[in-house]
Amino acid sequence: MLNRKRNETRANDHTSLVAHGTTIRGDLRFRGALHLEGRVEGSIVGDGDDAMFTLSEHGEVEGEVRVPHALINGHVVGDVVVSVKLELSAQARIDGNLHYHMLEMAAGAQVNGHISRDAGVQAPPAELPAPDATPA
């Protein structure tokens, strides 16, 4: 179901893993594939047309996700922008707005926000916005 095997091999065998129990605070930019089983508190941006983001059922993101391809089965609090294909598995929960080009959604997946099919969804920005300056 959900063509998982085909999408996992798309990213040229360059896969990064954020393991269960790991928390990253800050923006994350990647090439190839990113498999998230932990938590990211910040934006996630995939570079390149073949970048693939996979969020496991235990994974969490608090921030914007902006990638070409995504398979989501965990929890995202923030907007999700997918320029090619988005697959939402049964345990996926998105608390934010969803912008996609092509969507495959399993029964049980939840989106709490606006859903829009944007044929011209923009590719990821060239640079992440500068982090807010916080006095030490």
C-alpha atoms as a PDB file:
ATOM      1  CA  MET A   1       0.000   0.000   0.000  1.00  0.00           C
ATOM      2  CA  LEU A   2       1.056   3.587  -0.648  1.00  0.00           C
ATOM      3  CA  ASN A   3       3.963   2.621  -2.939  1.00  0.00           C
ATOM      4  CA  ARG A   4       6.433   2.813  -0.052  1.00  0.00           C
ATOM      5  CA  LYS A   5       9.121   0.663  -1.716  1.00  0.00           C
ATOM      6  CA  ARG A   6       9.215   2.776  -4.886  1.00  0.00           C
ATOM      7  CA  ASN A   7       9.500   6.072  -2.980  1.00  0.00           C
ATOM      8  CA  GLU A   8      12.201   4.879  -0.586  1.00  0.00           C
ATOM      9  CA  THR A   9      14.561   4.080  -3.450  1.00  0.00           C
ATOM     10  CA  ARG A  10      13.928   7.370  -5.258  1.00  0.00           C
ATOM     11  CA  ALA A  11      16.433   9.422  -3.251  1.00  0.00           C
ATOM     12  CA  ASN A  12      19.648   7.932  -4.687  1.00  0.00           C
ATOM     13  CA  ASP A  13      20.445   5.867  -1.589  1.00  0.00           C
ATOM     14  CA  HIS A  14      21.444   8.963   0.453  1.00  0.00           C
ATOM     15  CA  THR A  15      19.300   8.504   3.551  1.00  0.00           C
ATOM     16  CA  SER A  16      19.513  10.319   6.869  1.00  0.00           C
ATOM     17  CA  LEU A  17      17.801   8.939   9.957  1.00  0.00           C
ATOM     18  CA  VAL A  18      16.656  10.822  13.029  1.00  0.00           C
ATOM     19  CA  ALA A  19      16.042   8.018  15.507  1.00  0.00           C
ATOM     20  CA  HIS A  20      13.197   7.593  17.976  1.00  0.00           C
ATOM     21  CA  GLY A  21      13.981   9.523  21.183  1.00  0.00           C
ATOM     22  CA  THR A  22      16.079  12.141  19.362  1.00  0.00           C
ATOM     23  CA  THR A  23      15.007  15.807  19.336  1.00  0.00           C
ATOM     24  CA  ILE A  24      16.447  18.396  16.962  1.00  0.00           C
ATOM     25  CA  ARG A  25      15.781  22.050  17.788  1.00  0.00           C
ATOM     26  CA  GLY A  26      16.351  24.169  14.711  1.00  0.00           C
ATOM     27  CA  ASP A  27      15.768  24.036  10.972  1.00  0.00           C
ATOM     28  CA  LEU A  28      16.768  20.925   9.052  1.00  0.00           C
ATOM     29  CA  ARG A  29      17.720  20.929   5.366  1.00  0.00           C
ATOM     30  CA  PHE A  30      18.498  17.699   3.512  1.00  0.00           C
ATOM     31  CA  ARG A  31      19.222  16.098   0.144  1.00  0.00           C
ATOM     32  CA  GLY A  32      18.272  12.571  -0.800  1.00  0.00           C
ATOM     33  CA  ALA A  33      16.015  11.025   1.813  1.00  0.00           C
ATOM     34  CA  LEU A  34      15.220  11.844   5.429  1.00  0.00           C
ATOM     35  CA  HIS A  35      13.514   9.295   7.673  1.00  0.00           C
ATOM     36  CA  LEU A  36      12.269  10.876  10.898  1.00  0.00           C
ATOM     37  CA  GLU A  37      11.311   8.705  13.853  1.00  0.00           C
ATOM     38  CA  GLY A  38      12.186  11.351  16.458  1.00  0.00           C
ATOM     39  CA  ARG A  39      11.146  14.999  16.811  1.00  0.00           C
ATOM     40  CA  VAL A  40      12.127  18.180  14.964  1.00  0.00           C
ATOM     41  CA  GLU A  41      11.263  21.596  16.388  1.00  0.00           C
ATOM     42  CA  GLY A  42      11.868  23.741  13.325  1.00  0.00           C
ATOM     43  CA  SER A  43      11.382  23.740   9.568  1.00  0.00           C
ATOM     44  CA  ILE A  44      12.268  20.802   7.340  1.00  0.00           C
ATOM     45  CA  VAL A  45      13.300  21.570   3.749  1.00  0.00           C
ATOM     46  CA  GLY A  46      14.231  19.010   1.094  1.00  0.00           C
ATOM     47  CA  ASP A  47      16.588  20.136  -1.675  1.00  0.00           C
ATOM     48  CA  GLY A  48      16.442  18.680  -5.186  1.00  0.00           C
ATOM     49  CA  ASP A  49      13.592  17.218  -7.200  1.00  0.00           C
ATOM     50  CA  ASP A  50      14.100  13.735  -5.728  1.00  0.00           C
ATOM     51  CA  ALA A  51      14.217  14.681  -2.013  1.00  0.00           C
ATOM     52  CA  MET A  52      12.007  12.298  -0.023  1.00  0.00           C
ATOM     53  CA  PHE A  53      10.782  12.926   3.531  1.00  0.00           C
ATOM     54  CA  THR A  54       9.346  10.045   5.558  1.00  0.00           C
ATOM     55  CA  LEU A  55       7.734  10.660   8.949  1.00  0.00           C
ATOM     56  CA  SER A  56       7.158   7.465  10.925  1.00  0.00           C
ATOM     57  CA  GLU A  57       4.142   6.884  13.152  1.00  0.00           C
ATOM     58  CA  HIS A  58       6.241   7.937  16.187  1.00  0.00           C
ATOM     59  CA  GLY A  59       7.784  10.973  14.462  1.00  0.00           C
ATOM     60  CA  GLU A  60       6.819  14.576  15.202  1.00  0.00           C
ATOM     61  CA  VAL A  61       7.489  17.903  13.507  1.00  0.00           C
ATOM     62  CA  GLU A  62       6.706  21.277  15.018  1.00  0.00           C
ATOM     63  CA  GLY A  63       7.319  23.625  12.107  1.00  0.00           C
ATOM     64  CA  GLU A  64       6.874  23.890   8.354  1.00  0.00           C
ATOM     65  CA  VAL A  65       7.626  20.942   6.065  1.00  0.00           C
ATOM     66  CA  ARG A  66       8.562  21.911   2.478  1.00  0.00           C
ATOM     67  CA  VAL A  67       9.629  18.972   0.279  1.00  0.00           C
ATOM     68  CA  PRO A  68       9.033  17.515  -3.196  1.00  0.00           C
ATOM     69  CA  HIS A  69       7.972  14.042  -1.956  1.00  0.00           C
ATOM     70  CA  ALA A  70       6.599  13.026   1.449  1.00  0.00           C
ATOM     71  CA  LEU A  71       5.199   9.986   3.191  1.00  0.00           C
ATOM     72  CA  ILE A  72       3.658  11.019   6.510  1.00  0.00           C
ATOM     73  CA  ASN A  73       2.417   8.663   9.202  1.00  0.00           C
ATOM     74  CA  GLY A  74       3.201  10.814  12.267  1.00  0.00           C
ATOM     75  CA  HIS A  75       2.227  14.229  13.648  1.00  0.00           C
ATOM     76  CA  VAL A  76       3.027  17.606  12.055  1.00  0.00           C
ATOM     77  CA  VAL A  77       2.139  20.891  13.764  1.00  0.00           C
ATOM     78  CA  GLY A  78       2.677  23.426  11.005  1.00  0.00           C
ATOM     79  CA  ASP A  79       2.104  23.870   7.297  1.00  0.00           C
ATOM     80  CA  VAL A  80       3.037  21.120   4.836  1.00  0.00           C
ATOM     81  CA  VAL A  81       3.994  22.052   1.255  1.00  0.00           C
ATOM     82  CA  VAL A  82       4.706  19.160  -1.131  1.00  0.00           C
ATOM     83  CA  SER A  83       5.554  20.033  -4.729  1.00  0.00           C
ATOM     84  CA  VAL A  84       5.263  16.551  -6.292  1.00  0.00           C
ATOM     85  CA  LYS A  85       3.523  13.819  -4.272  1.00  0.00           C
ATOM     86  CA  LEU A  86       2.243  13.512  -0.711  1.00  0.00           C
ATOM     87  CA  GLU A  87       1.137  10.243   0.852  1.00  0.00           C
ATOM     88  CA  LEU A  88      -0.745  10.362   4.151  1.00  0.00           C
ATOM     89  CA  SER A  89      -0.870   7.015   5.961  1.00  0.00           C
ATOM     90  CA  ALA A  90      -3.608   5.986   8.379  1.00  0.00           C
ATOM     91  CA  GLN A  91      -1.985   7.475  11.512  1.00  0.00           C
ATOM     92  CA  ALA A  92      -0.964  10.783   9.889  1.00  0.00           C
ATOM     93  CA  ARG A  93      -2.104  13.945  11.666  1.00  0.00           C
ATOM     94  CA  ILE A  94      -1.431  17.419  10.306  1.00  0.00           C
ATOM     95  CA  ASP A  95      -2.380  20.443  12.401  1.00  0.00           C
ATOM     96  CA  GLY A  96      -1.777  23.135   9.814  1.00  0.00           C
ATOM     97  CA  ASN A  97      -2.441  24.008   6.198  1.00  0.00           C
ATOM     98  CA  LEU A  98      -1.691  21.486   3.472  1.00  0.00           C
ATOM     99  CA  HIS A  99      -0.544  22.412  -0.048  1.00  0.00           C
ATOM    100  CA  TYR A 100       0.141  19.602  -2.494  1.00  0.00           C
ATOM    101  CA  HIS A 101       0.313  18.711  -6.164  1.00  0.00           C
ATOM    102  CA  MET A 102      -0.697  15.034  -5.919  1.00  0.00           C
ATOM    103  CA  LEU A 103      -2.236  13.447  -2.795  1.00  0.00           C
ATOM    104  CA  GLU A 104      -2.826   9.880  -1.681  1.00  0.00           C
ATOM    105  CA  MET A 105      -4.649   9.690   1.645  1.00  0.00           C
ATOM    106  CA  ALA A 106      -5.466   6.541   3.647  1.00  0.00           C
ATOM    107  CA  ALA A 107      -8.575   6.151   5.783  1.00  0.00           C
ATOM    108  CA  GLY A 108      -7.888   7.484   9.265  1.00  0.00           C
ATOM    109  CA  ALA A 109      -5.461  10.255   8.250  1.00  0.00           C
ATOM    110  CA  GLN A 110      -6.362  13.692   9.677  1.00  0.00           C
ATOM    111  CA  VAL A 111      -5.763  17.211   8.405  1.00  0.00           C
ATOM    112  CA  ASN A 112      -6.836  20.038  10.710  1.00  0.00           C
ATOM    113  CA  GLY A 113      -6.392  23.079   8.500  1.00  0.00           C
ATOM    114  CA  HIS A 114      -6.959  24.219   4.929  1.00  0.00           C
ATOM    115  CA  ILE A 115      -6.243  21.735   2.153  1.00  0.00           C
ATOM    116  CA  SER A 116      -5.388  23.055  -1.291  1.00  0.00           C
ATOM    117  CA  ARG A 117      -4.230  21.411  -4.458  1.00  0.00           C
ATOM    118  CA  ASP A 118      -1.729  23.806  -5.923  1.00  0.00           C
ATOM    119  CA  ALA A 119      -0.685  22.740  -9.421  1.00  0.00           C
ATOM    120  CA  GLY A 120       2.154  25.249  -9.251  1.00  0.00           C
ATOM    121  CA  VAL A 121       3.421  24.563  -5.720  1.00  0.00           C
ATOM    122  CA  GLN A 122       6.780  26.239  -5.371  1.00  0.00           C
ATOM    123  CA  ALA A 123       9.952  24.239  -4.926  1.00  0.00           C
ATOM    124  CA  PRO A 124      11.820  24.679  -1.629  1.00  0.00           C
ATOM    125  CA  PRO A 125      13.348  28.135  -1.151  1.00  0.00           C
ATOM    126  CA  ALA A 126      17.040  28.574  -1.893  1.00  0.00           C
ATOM    127  CA  GLU A 127      17.721  29.527   1.725  1.00  0.00           C
ATOM    128  CA  LEU A 128      16.002  28.947   5.036  1.00  0.00           C
ATOM    129  CA  PRO A 129      14.987  32.120   6.805  1.00  0.00           C
ATOM    130  CA  ALA A 130      17.533  33.322   9.349  1.00  0.00           C
ATOM    131  CA  PRO A 131      16.762  32.065  12.863  1.00  0.00           C
ATOM    132  CA  ASP A 132      15.457  34.629  15.302  1.00  0.00           C
ATOM    133  CA  ALA A 133      18.267  36.259  17.233  1.00  0.00           C
ATOM    134  CA  THR A 134      17.905  35.272  20.861  1.00  0.00           C
ATOM    135  CA  PRO A 135      20.026  37.087  23.457  1.00  0.00           C
ATOM    136  CA  ALA A 136      22.288  34.759  25.440  1.00  0.00           C
END
